[in-house]
PDB file of N, CA and C in Angstrom:
ATOM      1  N   MET A   1       9.506  14.859   5.543  1.00  0.00           N
ATOM      2  CA  MET A   1       9.959  16.053   4.882  1.00  0.00           C
ATOM      3  C   MET A   1      10.562  15.648   3.551  1.00  0.00           C
ATOM      4  N   GLY A   2      10.185  16.339   2.485  1.00  0.00           N
ATOM      5  CA  GLY A   2      10.675  15.995   1.164  1.00  0.00           C
ATOM      6  C   GLY A   2      12.097  16.468   0.949  1.00  0.00           C
ATOM      7  N   SER A   3      12.731  15.883  -0.023  1.00  0.00           N
ATOM      8  CA  SER A   3      14.100  16.288  -0.334  1.00  0.00           C
ATOM      9  C   SER A   3      14.066  17.393  -1.395  1.00  0.00           C
ATOM     10  N   LEU A   4      15.068  18.216  -1.369  1.00  0.00           N
ATOM     11  CA  LEU A   4      15.161  19.310  -2.326  1.00  0.00           C
ATOM     12  C   LEU A   4      16.019  18.880  -3.503  1.00  0.00           C
ATOM     13  N   GLY A   5      15.589  19.265  -4.686  1.00  0.00           N
ATOM     14  CA  GLY A   5      16.375  18.988  -5.874  1.00  0.00           C
ATOM     15  C   GLY A   5      17.405  20.074  -6.104  1.00  0.00           C
ATOM     16  N   THR A   6      18.216  19.877  -7.118  1.00  0.00           N
ATOM     17  CA  THR A   6      19.276  20.843  -7.423  1.00  0.00           C
ATOM     18  C   THR A   6      18.695  22.196  -7.795  1.00  0.00           C
ATOM     19  N   GLY A   7      17.619  22.186  -8.568  1.00  0.00           N
ATOM     20  CA  GLY A   7      16.997  23.449  -8.978  1.00  0.00           C
ATOM     21  C   GLY A   7      16.484  24.254  -7.799  1.00  0.00           C
ATOM     22  N   GLU A   8      15.841  23.567  -6.855  1.00  0.00           N
ATOM     23  CA  GLU A   8      15.315  24.265  -5.677  1.00  0.00           C
ATOM     24  C   GLU A   8      16.436  24.837  -4.816  1.00  0.00           C
ATOM     25  N   ILE A   9      17.510  24.074  -4.655  1.00  0.00           N
ATOM     26  CA  ILE A   9      18.640  24.553  -3.851  1.00  0.00           C
ATOM     27  C   ILE A   9      19.274  25.777  -4.502  1.00  0.00           C
ATOM     28  N   LEU A  10      19.462  25.741  -5.815  1.00  0.00           N
ATOM     29  CA  LEU A  10      20.037  26.895  -6.514  1.00  0.00           C
ATOM     30  C   LEU A  10      19.137  28.114  -6.409  1.00  0.00           C
ATOM     31  N   PHE A  11      17.817  27.912  -6.496  1.00  0.00           N
ATOM     32  CA  PHE A  11      16.888  29.035  -6.377  1.00  0.00           C
ATOM     33  C   PHE A  11      16.965  29.645  -4.977  1.00  0.00           C
ATOM     34  N   ILE A  12      16.991  28.810  -3.934  1.00  0.00           N
ATOM     35  CA  ILE A  12      17.080  29.320  -2.563  1.00  0.00           C
ATOM     36  C   ILE A  12      18.392  30.070  -2.363  1.00  0.00           C
ATOM     37  N   ALA A  13      19.488  29.520  -2.892  1.00  0.00           N
ATOM     38  CA  ALA A  13      20.785  30.194  -2.764  1.00  0.00           C
ATOM     39  C   ALA A  13      20.770  31.539  -3.487  1.00  0.00           C
ATOM     40  N   PHE A  14      20.156  31.598  -4.655  1.00  0.00           N
ATOM     41  CA  PHE A  14      20.087  32.853  -5.412  1.00  0.00           C
ATOM     42  C   PHE A  14      19.277  33.904  -4.663  1.00  0.00           C
ATOM     43  N   VAL A  15      18.120  33.501  -4.113  1.00  0.00           N
ATOM     44  CA  VAL A  15      17.283  34.441  -3.353  1.00  0.00           C
ATOM     45  C   VAL A  15      18.016  34.907  -2.097  1.00  0.00           C
ATOM     46  N   ALA A  16      18.703  33.985  -1.404  1.00  0.00           N
ATOM     47  CA  ALA A  16      19.452  34.367  -0.202  1.00  0.00           C
ATOM     48  C   ALA A  16      20.585  35.326  -0.551  1.00  0.00           C
ATOM     49  N   LEU A  17      21.235  35.084  -1.694  1.00  0.00           N
ATOM     50  CA  LEU A  17      22.315  35.972  -2.131  1.00  0.00           C
ATOM     51  C   LEU A  17      21.780  37.371  -2.397  1.00  0.00           C
ATOM     52  N   ILE A  18      20.611  37.455  -3.006  1.00  0.00           N
ATOM     53  CA  ILE A  18      20.024  38.775  -3.291  1.00  0.00           C
ATOM     54  C   ILE A  18      19.589  39.456  -1.999  1.00  0.00           C
ATOM     55  N   ILE A  19      18.963  38.724  -1.085  1.00  0.00           N
ATOM     56  CA  ILE A  19      18.430  39.330   0.133  1.00  0.00           C
ATOM     57  C   ILE A  19      19.547  39.741   1.094  1.00  0.00           C
ATOM     58  N   PHE A  20      20.490  38.843   1.361  1.00  0.00           N
ATOM     59  CA  PHE A  20      21.495  39.102   2.386  1.00  0.00           C
ATOM     60  C   PHE A  20      22.795  39.685   1.845  1.00  0.00           C
ATOM     61  N   GLY A  21      23.057  39.522   0.590  1.00  0.00           N
ATOM     62  CA  GLY A  21      24.287  40.040   0.007  1.00  0.00           C
ATOM     63  C   GLY A  21      25.443  39.061   0.173  1.00  0.00           C
ATOM     64  N   PRO A  22      26.475  39.212  -0.649  1.00  0.00           N
ATOM     65  CA  PRO A  22      27.595  38.264  -0.618  1.00  0.00           C
ATOM     66  C   PRO A  22      28.455  38.369   0.647  1.00  0.00           C
ATOM     67  N   GLU A  23      28.390  39.488   1.358  1.00  0.00           N
ATOM     68  CA  GLU A  23      29.220  39.645   2.551  1.00  0.00           C
ATOM     69  C   GLU A  23      28.668  38.858   3.737  1.00  0.00           C
ATOM     70  N   ARG A  24      27.338  38.874   3.909  1.00  0.00           N
ATOM     71  CA  ARG A  24      26.727  38.237   5.081  1.00  0.00           C
ATOM     72  C   ARG A  24      26.334  36.775   4.841  1.00  0.00           C
ATOM     73  N   LEU A  25      26.309  36.344   3.599  1.00  0.00           N
ATOM     74  CA  LEU A  25      25.831  34.997   3.269  1.00  0.00           C
ATOM     75  C   LEU A  25      26.659  33.879   3.918  1.00  0.00           C
ATOM     76  N   PRO A  26      28.002  33.947   3.937  1.00  0.00           N
ATOM     77  CA  PRO A  26      28.763  32.869   4.606  1.00  0.00           C
ATOM     78  C   PRO A  26      28.465  32.771   6.107  1.00  0.00           C
ATOM     79  N   GLU A  27      28.308  33.913   6.745  1.00  0.00           N
ATOM     80  CA  GLU A  27      28.000  33.914   8.171  1.00  0.00           C
ATOM     81  C   GLU A  27      26.626  33.301   8.433  1.00  0.00           C
ATOM     82  N   ILE A  28      25.638  33.627   7.633  1.00  0.00           N
ATOM     83  CA  ILE A  28      24.287  33.090   7.793  1.00  0.00           C
ATOM     84  C   ILE A  28      24.283  31.585   7.524  1.00  0.00           C
ATOM     85  N   ALA A  29      25.022  31.138   6.508  1.00  0.00           N
ATOM     86  CA  ALA A  29      25.095  29.709   6.196  1.00  0.00           C
ATOM     87  C   ALA A  29      25.740  28.944   7.344  1.00  0.00           C
ATOM     88  N   ARG A  30      26.766  29.516   7.962  1.00  0.00           N
ATOM     89  CA  ARG A  30      27.432  28.878   9.095  1.00  0.00           C
ATOM     90  C   ARG A  30      26.475  28.746  10.274  1.00  0.00           C
ATOM     91  N   LYS A  31      25.737  29.803  10.581  1.00  0.00           N
ATOM     92  CA  LYS A  31      24.776  29.750  11.688  1.00  0.00           C
ATOM     93  C   LYS A  31      23.650  28.751  11.399  1.00  0.00           C
ATOM     94  N   ALA A  32      23.199  28.701  10.150  1.00  0.00           N
ATOM     95  CA  ALA A  32      22.146  27.738   9.781  1.00  0.00           C
ATOM     96  C   ALA A  32      22.656  26.310   9.954  1.00  0.00           C
ATOM     97  N   GLY A  33      23.898  26.057   9.587  1.00  0.00           N
ATOM     98  CA  GLY A  33      24.490  24.731   9.782  1.00  0.00           C
ATOM     99  C   GLY A  33      24.581  24.353  11.249  1.00  0.00           C
ATOM    100  N   GLU A  34      24.969  25.315  12.095  1.00  0.00           N
ATOM    101  CA  GLU A  34      25.047  25.053  13.531  1.00  0.00           C
ATOM    102  C   GLU A  34      23.665  24.744  14.112  1.00  0.00           C
ATOM    103  N   LEU A  35      22.647  25.509  13.698  1.00  0.00           N
ATOM    104  CA  LEU A  35      21.293  25.262  14.182  1.00  0.00           C
ATOM    105  C   LEU A  35      20.784  23.891  13.734  1.00  0.00           C
ATOM    106  N   LEU A  36      21.106  23.519  12.516  1.00  0.00           N
ATOM    107  CA  LEU A  36      20.691  22.216  12.005  1.00  0.00           C
ATOM    108  C   LEU A  36      21.367  21.088  12.791  1.00  0.00           C
ATOM    109  N   ALA A  37      22.634  21.248  13.095  1.00  0.00           N
ATOM    110  CA  ALA A  37      23.353  20.236  13.875  1.00  0.00           C
ATOM    111  C   ALA A  37      22.754  20.110  15.280  1.00  0.00           C
ATOM    112  N   LYS A  38      22.408  21.241  15.900  1.00  0.00           N
ATOM    113  CA  LYS A  38      21.793  21.209  17.224  1.00  0.00           C
ATOM    114  C   LYS A  38      20.423  20.529  17.169  1.00  0.00           C
ATOM    115  N   ALA A  39      19.651  20.835  16.148  1.00  0.00           N
ATOM    116  CA  ALA A  39      18.322  20.224  16.016  1.00  0.00           C
ATOM    117  C   ALA A  39      18.445  18.715  15.840  1.00  0.00           C
ATOM    118  N   ARG A  40      19.399  18.263  15.047  1.00  0.00           N
ATOM    119  CA  ARG A  40      19.596  16.833  14.859  1.00  0.00           C
ATOM    120  C   ARG A  40      20.029  16.157  16.161  1.00  0.00           C
ATOM    121  N   ALA A  41      20.899  16.808  16.917  1.00  0.00           N
ATOM    122  CA  ALA A  41      21.348  16.245  18.186  1.00  0.00           C
ATOM    123  C   ALA A  41      20.185  16.150  19.177  1.00  0.00           C
ATOM    124  N   MET A  42      19.346  17.170  19.231  1.00  0.00           N
ATOM    125  CA  MET A  42      18.201  17.147  20.129  1.00  0.00           C
ATOM    126  C   MET A  42      17.219  16.050  19.724  1.00  0.00           C
ATOM    127  N   THR A  43      16.985  15.900  18.431  1.00  0.00           N
ATOM    128  CA  THR A  43      16.078  14.862  17.946  1.00  0.00           C
ATOM    129  C   THR A  43      16.627  13.477  18.287  1.00  0.00           C
ATOM    130  N   ARG A  44      17.912  13.292  18.089  1.00  0.00           N
ATOM    131  CA  ARG A  44      18.544  12.019  18.429  1.00  0.00           C
ATOM    132  C   ARG A  44      18.407  11.738  19.925  1.00  0.00           C
ATOM    133  N   GLY A  45      18.591  12.765  20.768  1.00  0.00           N
ATOM    134  CA  GLY A  45      18.457  12.593  22.218  1.00  0.00           C
ATOM    135  C   GLY A  45      17.044  12.203  22.628  1.00  0.00           C
ATOM    136  N   VAL A  46      16.053  12.832  22.032  1.00  0.00           N
ATOM    137  CA  VAL A  46      14.665  12.507  22.347  1.00  0.00           C
ATOM    138  C   VAL A  46      14.355  11.083  21.909  1.00  0.00           C
ATOM    139  N   THR A  47      14.813  10.699  20.726  1.00  0.00           N
ATOM    140  CA  THR A  47      14.583   9.344  20.223  1.00  0.00           C
ATOM    141  C   THR A  47      15.219   8.304  21.132  1.00  0.00           C
ATOM    142  N   GLU A  48      16.444   8.560  21.582  1.00  0.00           N
ATOM    143  CA  GLU A  48      17.123   7.623  22.484  1.00  0.00           C
ATOM    144  C   GLU A  48      16.410   7.539  23.827  1.00  0.00           C
ATOM    145  N   ALA A  49      15.898   8.670  24.327  1.00  0.00           N
ATOM    146  CA  ALA A  49      15.181   8.657  25.599  1.00  0.00           C
ATOM    147  C   ALA A  49      13.884   7.859  25.490  1.00  0.00           C
ATOM    148  N   ILE A  50      13.180   8.016  24.388  1.00  0.00           N
ATOM    149  CA  ILE A  50      11.936   7.270  24.187  1.00  0.00           C
ATOM    150  C   ILE A  50      12.237   5.776  24.062  1.00  0.00           C
ATOM    151  N   ASP A  51      13.274   5.440  23.297  1.00  0.00           N
ATOM    152  CA  ASP A  51      13.648   4.029  23.156  1.00  0.00           C
ATOM    153  C   ASP A  51      14.048   3.419  24.495  1.00  0.00           C
ATOM    154  N   ALA A  52      14.763   4.184  25.318  1.00  0.00           N
ATOM    155  CA  ALA A  52      15.182   3.674  26.625  1.00  0.00           C
ATOM    156  C   ALA A  52      13.978   3.484  27.545  1.00  0.00           C
ATOM    157  N   GLU A  53      13.026   4.402  27.480  1.00  0.00           N
ATOM    158  CA  GLU A  53      11.859   4.348  28.360  1.00  0.00           C
ATOM    159  C   GLU A  53      10.890   3.240  27.960  1.00  0.00           C
ATOM    160  N   TYR A  54      10.642   3.101  26.665  1.00  0.00           N
ATOM    161  CA  TYR A  54       9.630   2.161  26.191  1.00  0.00           C
ATOM    162  C   TYR A  54      10.227   0.960  25.458  1.00  0.00           C
ATOM    163  N   GLY A  55      11.516   0.733  25.600  1.00  0.00           N
ATOM    164  CA  GLY A  55      12.170  -0.374  24.913  1.00  0.00           C
ATOM    165  C   GLY A  55      11.631  -1.731  25.312  1.00  0.00           C
ATOM    166  N   GLU A  56      11.307  -1.902  26.599  1.00  0.00           N
ATOM    167  CA  GLU A  56      10.778  -3.176  27.069  1.00  0.00           C
ATOM    168  C   GLU A  56       9.397  -3.448  26.494  1.00  0.00           C
ATOM    169  N   VAL A  57       8.630  -2.387  26.268  1.00  0.00           N
ATOM    170  CA  VAL A  57       7.280  -2.548  25.735  1.00  0.00           C
ATOM    171  C   VAL A  57       7.326  -2.827  24.236  1.00  0.00           C
ATOM    172  N   THR A  58       8.196  -2.131  23.526  1.00  0.00           N
ATOM    173  CA  THR A  58       8.217  -2.259  22.068  1.00  0.00           C
ATOM    174  C   THR A  58       9.061  -3.423  21.571  1.00  0.00           C
ATOM    175  N   ALA A  59       9.895  -4.012  22.417  1.00  0.00           N
ATOM    176  CA  ALA A  59      10.751  -5.118  21.970  1.00  0.00           C
ATOM    177  C   ALA A  59       9.954  -6.310  21.449  1.00  0.00           C
ATOM    178  N   PRO A  60       8.896  -6.780  22.146  1.00  0.00           N
ATOM    179  CA  PRO A  60       8.124  -7.902  21.596  1.00  0.00           C
ATOM    180  C   PRO A  60       7.449  -7.557  20.267  1.00  0.00           C
ATOM    181  N   ILE A  61       7.009  -6.329  20.145  1.00  0.00           N
ATOM    182  CA  ILE A  61       6.364  -5.909  18.895  1.00  0.00           C
ATOM    183  C   ILE A  61       7.376  -5.918  17.760  1.00  0.00           C
ATOM    184  N   LYS A  62       8.574  -5.440  18.014  1.00  0.00           N
ATOM    185  CA  LYS A  62       9.617  -5.454  16.988  1.00  0.00           C
ATOM    186  C   LYS A  62       9.994  -6.879  16.608  1.00  0.00           C
ATOM    187  N   ASP A  63      10.019  -7.782  17.599  1.00  0.00           N
ATOM    188  CA  ASP A  63      10.312  -9.186  17.309  1.00  0.00           C
ATOM    189  C   ASP A  63       9.234  -9.801  16.425  1.00  0.00           C
ATOM    190  N   LEU A  64       7.967  -9.518  16.746  1.00  0.00           N
ATOM    191  CA  LEU A  64       6.874 -10.041  15.940  1.00  0.00           C
ATOM    192  C   LEU A  64       6.904  -9.479  14.523  1.00  0.00           C
ATOM    193  N   LYS A  65       7.249  -8.210  14.404  1.00  0.00           N
ATOM    194  CA  LYS A  65       7.336  -7.607  13.069  1.00  0.00           C
ATOM    195  C   LYS A  65       8.446  -8.259  12.261  1.00  0.00           C
ATOM    196  N   GLY A  66       9.553  -8.576  12.914  1.00  0.00           N
ATOM    197  CA  GLY A  66      10.643  -9.258  12.222  1.00  0.00           C
ATOM    198  C   GLY A  66      10.220 -10.647  11.748  1.00  0.00           C
ATOM    199  N   GLU A  67       9.499 -11.377  12.604  1.00  0.00           N
ATOM    200  CA  GLU A  67       9.006 -12.698  12.205  1.00  0.00           C
ATOM    201  C   GLU A  67       8.008 -12.582  11.063  1.00  0.00           C
ATOM    202  N   TYR A  68       7.129 -11.570  11.133  1.00  0.00           N
ATOM    203  CA  TYR A  68       6.142 -11.354  10.073  1.00  0.00           C
ATOM    204  C   TYR A  68       6.841 -11.048   8.748  1.00  0.00           C
ATOM    205  N   ASP A  69       7.820 -10.162   8.777  1.00  0.00           N
ATOM    206  CA  ASP A  69       8.540  -9.818   7.554  1.00  0.00           C
ATOM    207  C   ASP A  69       9.262 -11.024   6.964  1.00  0.00           C
ATOM    208  N   ALA A  70       9.842 -11.860   7.828  1.00  0.00           N
ATOM    209  CA  ALA A  70      10.535 -13.061   7.346  1.00  0.00           C
ATOM    210  C   ALA A  70       9.547 -14.039   6.709  1.00  0.00           C
ATOM    211  N   ALA A  71       8.399 -14.245   7.354  1.00  0.00           N
ATOM    212  CA  ALA A  71       7.388 -15.158   6.810  1.00  0.00           C
ATOM    213  C   ALA A  71       6.832 -14.623   5.495  1.00  0.00           C
ATOM    214  N   LEU A  72       6.614 -13.335   5.429  1.00  0.00           N
ATOM    215  CA  LEU A  72       6.111 -12.727   4.195  1.00  0.00           C
ATOM    216  C   LEU A  72       7.109 -12.897   3.062  1.00  0.00           C
ATOM    217  N   GLY A  73       8.378 -12.715   3.352  1.00  0.00           N
ATOM    218  CA  GLY A  73       9.407 -12.907   2.340  1.00  0.00           C
ATOM    219  C   GLY A  73       9.456 -14.343   1.846  1.00  0.00           C
ATOM    220  N   GLU A  74       9.325 -15.310   2.783  1.00  0.00           N
ATOM    221  CA  GLU A  74       9.312 -16.719   2.391  1.00  0.00           C
ATOM    222  C   GLU A  74       8.116 -17.038   1.506  1.00  0.00           C
ATOM    223  N   MET A  75       6.955 -16.485   1.851  1.00  0.00           N
ATOM    224  CA  MET A  75       5.751 -16.732   1.051  1.00  0.00           C
ATOM    225  C   MET A  75       5.885 -16.125  -0.340  1.00  0.00           C
ATOM    226  N   LYS A  76       6.456 -14.942  -0.436  1.00  0.00           N
ATOM    227  CA  LYS A  76       6.650 -14.323  -1.750  1.00  0.00           C
ATOM    228  C   LYS A  76       7.614 -15.139  -2.597  1.00  0.00           C
ATOM    229  N   ASN A  77       8.681 -15.650  -1.988  1.00  0.00           N
ATOM    230  CA  ASN A  77       9.627 -16.484  -2.721  1.00  0.00           C
ATOM    231  C   ASN A  77       8.963 -17.771  -3.193  1.00  0.00           C
ATOM    232  N   ALA A  78       8.167 -18.377  -2.322  1.00  0.00           N
ATOM    233  CA  ALA A  78       7.482 -19.614  -2.689  1.00  0.00           C
ATOM    234  C   ALA A  78       6.470 -19.358  -3.798  1.00  0.00           C
ATOM    235  N   ALA A  79       5.749 -18.247  -3.714  1.00  0.00           N
ATOM    236  CA  ALA A  79       4.749 -17.929  -4.733  1.00  0.00           C
ATOM    237  C   ALA A  79       5.405 -17.626  -6.074  1.00  0.00           C
ATOM    238  N   SER A  80       6.555 -16.997  -6.065  1.00  0.00           N
ATOM    239  CA  SER A  80       7.216 -16.664  -7.322  1.00  0.00           C
ATOM    240  C   SER A  80       7.821 -17.890  -7.982  1.00  0.00           C
ATOM    241  N   SER A  81       8.083 -18.941  -7.210  1.00  0.00           N
ATOM    242  CA  SER A  81       8.660 -20.151  -7.787  1.00  0.00           C
ATOM    243  C   SER A  81       7.593 -21.088  -8.354  1.00  0.00           C
ATOM    244  N   LEU A  82       6.318 -20.850  -8.034  1.00  0.00           N
ATOM    245  CA  LEU A  82       5.247 -21.684  -8.563  1.00  0.00           C
ATOM    246  C   LEU A  82       5.022 -21.373 -10.040  1.00  0.00           C
ATOM    247  N   PRO A  83       4.672 -22.394 -10.836  1.00  0.00           N
ATOM    248  CA  PRO A  83       4.368 -22.120 -12.236  1.00  0.00           C
ATOM    249  C   PRO A  83       3.045 -21.372 -12.348  1.00  0.00           C
ATOM    250  N   ASP A  84       2.887 -20.618 -13.405  1.00  0.00           N
ATOM    251  CA  ASP A  84       1.664 -19.863 -13.625  1.00  0.00           C
ATOM    252  C   ASP A  84       0.591 -20.832 -14.093  1.00  0.00           C
ATOM    253  N   MET A  85      -0.418 -21.023 -13.274  1.00  0.00           N
ATOM    254  CA  MET A  85      -1.486 -21.951 -13.613  1.00  0.00           C
ATOM    255  C   MET A  85      -2.801 -21.194 -13.662  1.00  0.00           C
ATOM    256  N   SER A  86      -3.602 -21.489 -14.689  1.00  0.00           N
ATOM    257  CA  SER A  86      -4.936 -20.927 -14.731  1.00  0.00           C
ATOM    258  C   SER A  86      -5.917 -22.046 -14.444  1.00  0.00           C
ATOM    259  N   ILE A  87      -6.899 -21.752 -13.663  1.00  0.00           N
ATOM    260  CA  ILE A  87      -7.864 -22.751 -13.236  1.00  0.00           C
ATOM    261  C   ILE A  87      -9.181 -22.456 -13.932  1.00  0.00           C
ATOM    262  N   ASP A  88      -9.753 -23.481 -14.594  1.00  0.00           N
ATOM    263  CA  ASP A  88     -11.058 -23.332 -15.220  1.00  0.00           C
ATOM    264  C   ASP A  88     -12.122 -23.622 -14.174  1.00  0.00           C
ATOM    265  N   MET A  89     -12.886 -22.604 -13.852  1.00  0.00           N
ATOM    266  CA  MET A  89     -13.943 -22.752 -12.869  1.00  0.00           C
ATOM    267  C   MET A  89     -15.264 -22.939 -13.606  1.00  0.00           C
ATOM    268  N   PRO A  90     -16.092 -23.884 -13.177  1.00  0.00           N
ATOM    269  CA  PRO A  90     -17.391 -24.063 -13.831  1.00  0.00           C
ATOM    270  C   PRO A  90     -18.302 -22.896 -13.485  1.00  0.00           C
ATOM    271  N   ASP A  91     -19.235 -22.610 -14.397  1.00  0.00           N
ATOM    272  CA  ASP A  91     -20.215 -21.564 -14.150  1.00  0.00           C
ATOM    273  C   ASP A  91     -21.306 -22.143 -13.275  1.00  0.00           C
ATOM    274  N   ILE A  92     -21.267 -21.828 -12.012  1.00  0.00           N
ATOM    275  CA  ILE A  92     -22.219 -22.367 -11.049  1.00  0.00           C
ATOM    276  C   ILE A  92     -23.462 -21.496 -11.059  1.00  0.00           C
ATOM    277  N   GLY A  93     -24.629 -22.142 -11.130  1.00  0.00           N
ATOM    278  CA  GLY A  93     -25.872 -21.396 -11.062  1.00  0.00           C
ATOM    279  C   GLY A  93     -26.431 -21.045 -12.423  1.00  0.00           C
ATOM    280  N   LEU A  94     -25.719 -21.254 -13.487  1.00  0.00           N
ATOM    281  CA  LEU A  94     -26.236 -20.974 -14.814  1.00  0.00           C
ATOM    282  C   LEU A  94     -26.862 -22.239 -15.368  1.00  0.00           C
ATOM    283  N   GLN A  95     -28.041 -22.123 -15.910  1.00  0.00           N
ATOM    284  CA  GLN A  95     -28.762 -23.261 -16.459  1.00  0.00           C
ATOM    285  C   GLN A  95     -28.735 -23.188 -17.973  1.00  0.00           C
ATOM    286  N   ALA A  96     -28.839 -24.330 -18.591  1.00  0.00           N
ATOM    287  CA  ALA A  96     -28.924 -24.379 -20.049  1.00  0.00           C
ATOM    288  C   ALA A  96     -30.247 -23.770 -20.485  1.00  0.00           C
ATOM    289  N   ALA A  97     -30.262 -23.181 -21.659  1.00  0.00           N
ATOM    290  CA  ALA A  97     -31.474 -22.536 -22.167  1.00  0.00           C
ATOM    291  C   ALA A  97     -32.574 -23.566 -22.321  1.00  0.00           C
ATOM    292  N   GLY A  98     -33.771 -23.252 -21.813  1.00  0.00           N
ATOM    293  CA  GLY A  98     -34.921 -24.130 -21.952  1.00  0.00           C
ATOM    294  C   GLY A  98     -35.068 -25.114 -20.820  1.00  0.00           C
ATOM    295  N   SER A  99     -34.115 -25.254 -19.936  1.00  0.00           N
ATOM    296  CA  SER A  99     -34.270 -26.205 -18.841  1.00  0.00           C
ATOM    297  C   SER A  99     -34.740 -25.455 -17.610  1.00  0.00           C
ATOM    298  N   ASP A 100     -35.641 -26.053 -16.910  1.00  0.00           N
ATOM    299  CA  ASP A 100     -36.196 -25.458 -15.703  1.00  0.00           C
ATOM    300  C   ASP A 100     -35.976 -26.429 -14.558  1.00  0.00           C
ATOM    301  N   PRO A 101     -35.116 -26.087 -13.590  1.00  0.00           N
ATOM    302  CA  PRO A 101     -34.836 -27.030 -12.509  1.00  0.00           C
ATOM    303  C   PRO A 101     -36.051 -27.290 -11.629  1.00  0.00           C
ATOM    304  N   ARG A 102     -37.085 -26.451 -11.693  1.00  0.00           N
ATOM    305  CA  ARG A 102     -38.279 -26.634 -10.876  1.00  0.00           C
ATOM    306  C   ARG A 102     -39.219 -27.669 -11.464  1.00  0.00           C
ATOM    307  N   SER A 103     -39.095 -27.906 -12.778  1.00  0.00           N
ATOM    308  CA  SER A 103     -40.013 -28.864 -13.404  1.00  0.00           C
ATOM    309  C   SER A 103     -39.489 -30.276 -13.240  1.00  0.00           C
ATOM    310  N   SER A 104     -40.407 -31.189 -13.079  1.00  0.00           N
ATOM    311  CA  SER A 104     -40.028 -32.586 -12.916  1.00  0.00           C
ATOM    312  C   SER A 104     -40.210 -33.373 -14.198  1.00  0.00           C
ATOM    313  N   GLY A 105     -40.626 -32.692 -15.267  1.00  0.00           N
ATOM    314  CA  GLY A 105     -40.818 -33.366 -16.537  1.00  0.00           C
ATOM    315  C   GLY A 105     -42.112 -34.132 -16.587  1.00  0.00           C
ATOM    316  N   GLY A 106     -43.081 -33.811 -15.707  1.00  0.00           N
ATOM    317  CA  GLY A 106     -44.358 -34.510 -15.644  1.00  0.00           C
ATOM    318  C   GLY A 106     -45.272 -34.107 -16.789  1.00  0.00           C
ATOM    319  N   ALA A 107     -46.453 -34.763 -16.891  1.00  0.00           N
ATOM    320  CA  ALA A 107     -47.387 -34.518 -17.991  1.00  0.00           C
ATOM    321  C   ALA A 107     -48.052 -33.177 -17.872  1.00  0.00           C
ATOM    322  N   GLY A 108     -48.211 -32.630 -16.688  1.00  0.00           N
ATOM    323  CA  GLY A 108     -48.906 -31.365 -16.513  1.00  0.00           C
ATOM    324  C   GLY A 108     -48.047 -30.166 -16.834  1.00  0.00           C
ATOM    325  N   ASP A 109     -46.769 -30.343 -17.046  1.00  0.00           N
ATOM    326  CA  ASP A 109     -45.872 -29.226 -17.319  1.00  0.00           C
ATOM    327  C   ASP A 109     -45.893 -28.921 -18.800  1.00  0.00           C
ATOM    328  N   SER A 110     -45.960 -27.655 -19.120  1.00  0.00           N
ATOM    329  CA  SER A 110     -45.852 -27.244 -20.524  1.00  0.00           C
ATOM    330  C   SER A 110     -44.975 -26.018 -20.592  1.00  0.00           C
ATOM    331  N   ASP A 111     -44.401 -25.767 -21.774  1.00  0.00           N
ATOM    332  CA  ASP A 111     -43.534 -24.603 -21.948  1.00  0.00           C
ATOM    333  C   ASP A 111     -44.313 -23.303 -21.846  1.00  0.00           C
ATOM    334  N   ALA A 112     -45.588 -23.308 -22.174  1.00  0.00           N
ATOM    335  CA  ALA A 112     -46.388 -22.083 -22.123  1.00  0.00           C
ATOM    336  C   ALA A 112     -46.639 -21.662 -20.688  1.00  0.00           C
ATOM    337  N   ASP A 113     -46.744 -22.608 -19.744  1.00  0.00           N
ATOM    338  CA  ASP A 113     -47.025 -22.287 -18.354  1.00  0.00           C
ATOM    339  C   ASP A 113     -45.771 -21.863 -17.600  1.00  0.00           C
ATOM    340  N   ALA A 114     -44.585 -22.244 -18.082  1.00  0.00           N
ATOM    341  CA  ALA A 114     -43.338 -21.973 -17.373  1.00  0.00           C
ATOM    342  C   ALA A 114     -42.989 -20.505 -17.471  1.00  0.00           C
ATOM    343  N   SER A 115     -42.509 -19.946 -16.378  1.00  0.00           N
ATOM    344  CA  SER A 115     -42.070 -18.568 -16.418  1.00  0.00           C
ATOM    345  C   SER A 115     -40.728 -18.493 -17.108  1.00  0.00           C
ATOM    346  N   PRO A 116     -40.438 -17.383 -17.796  1.00  0.00           N
ATOM    347  CA  PRO A 116     -39.168 -17.291 -18.531  1.00  0.00           C
ATOM    348  C   PRO A 116     -37.974 -17.263 -17.590  1.00  0.00           C
ATOM    349  N   GLN A 117     -36.902 -17.879 -18.008  1.00  0.00           N
ATOM    350  CA  GLN A 117     -35.652 -17.907 -17.259  1.00  0.00           C
ATOM    351  C   GLN A 117     -34.902 -16.601 -17.498  1.00  0.00           C
ATOM    352  N   PRO A 118     -34.000 -16.260 -16.625  1.00  0.00           N
ATOM    353  CA  PRO A 118     -33.188 -15.054 -16.856  1.00  0.00           C
ATOM    354  C   PRO A 118     -32.456 -15.180 -18.195  1.00  0.00           C
ATOM    355  N   GLY A 119     -32.533 -14.134 -18.993  1.00  0.00           N
ATOM    356  CA  GLY A 119     -31.891 -14.129 -20.282  1.00  0.00           C
ATOM    357  C   GLY A 119     -32.804 -14.584 -21.406  1.00  0.00           C
ATOM    358  N   GLU A 120     -33.993 -15.122 -21.070  1.00  0.00           N
ATOM    359  CA  GLU A 120     -34.952 -15.547 -22.082  1.00  0.00           C
ATOM    360  C   GLU A 120     -36.068 -14.528 -22.162  1.00  0.00           C
ATOM    361  N   GLU A 121     -36.688 -14.446 -23.321  1.00  0.00           N
ATOM    362  CA  GLU A 121     -37.827 -13.548 -23.483  1.00  0.00           C
ATOM    363  C   GLU A 121     -39.109 -14.343 -23.315  1.00  0.00           C
ATOM    364  N   ALA A 122     -40.132 -13.694 -22.797  1.00  0.00           N
ATOM    365  CA  ALA A 122     -41.427 -14.358 -22.665  1.00  0.00           C
ATOM    366  C   ALA A 122     -42.049 -14.493 -24.044  1.00  0.00           C
ATOM    367  N   SER A 123     -42.685 -15.639 -24.313  1.00  0.00           N
ATOM    368  CA  SER A 123     -43.302 -15.828 -25.637  1.00  0.00           C
ATOM    369  C   SER A 123     -44.754 -15.525 -25.658  1.00  0.00           C
TER     370      SER A 123
END
């Protein structure tokens, strides 16, 4: 549920003042507060009942999540302490212009018979 800003709260209060009038507004606000308190108490009770019922099942999961969060934090700290390094990677698979890895350089090979390499135009 999103939070309300000051403008939204003032608008709701203004509309409530117009609809209910200044005489009934304090009584309605008091009842709304009581209902909200009851709803929060009921929600808290349901949450506690679920935790009590399934606490044994969820405890190992919570422990693993705590270990995961700790390890993740350590890795982030270690990564932030490393110097910024750029690695020059060779261009793998790119051939120099005019070289054909299929040719053995024999007498029967000619440039006219060779098929064009990617990026070259046929002559």
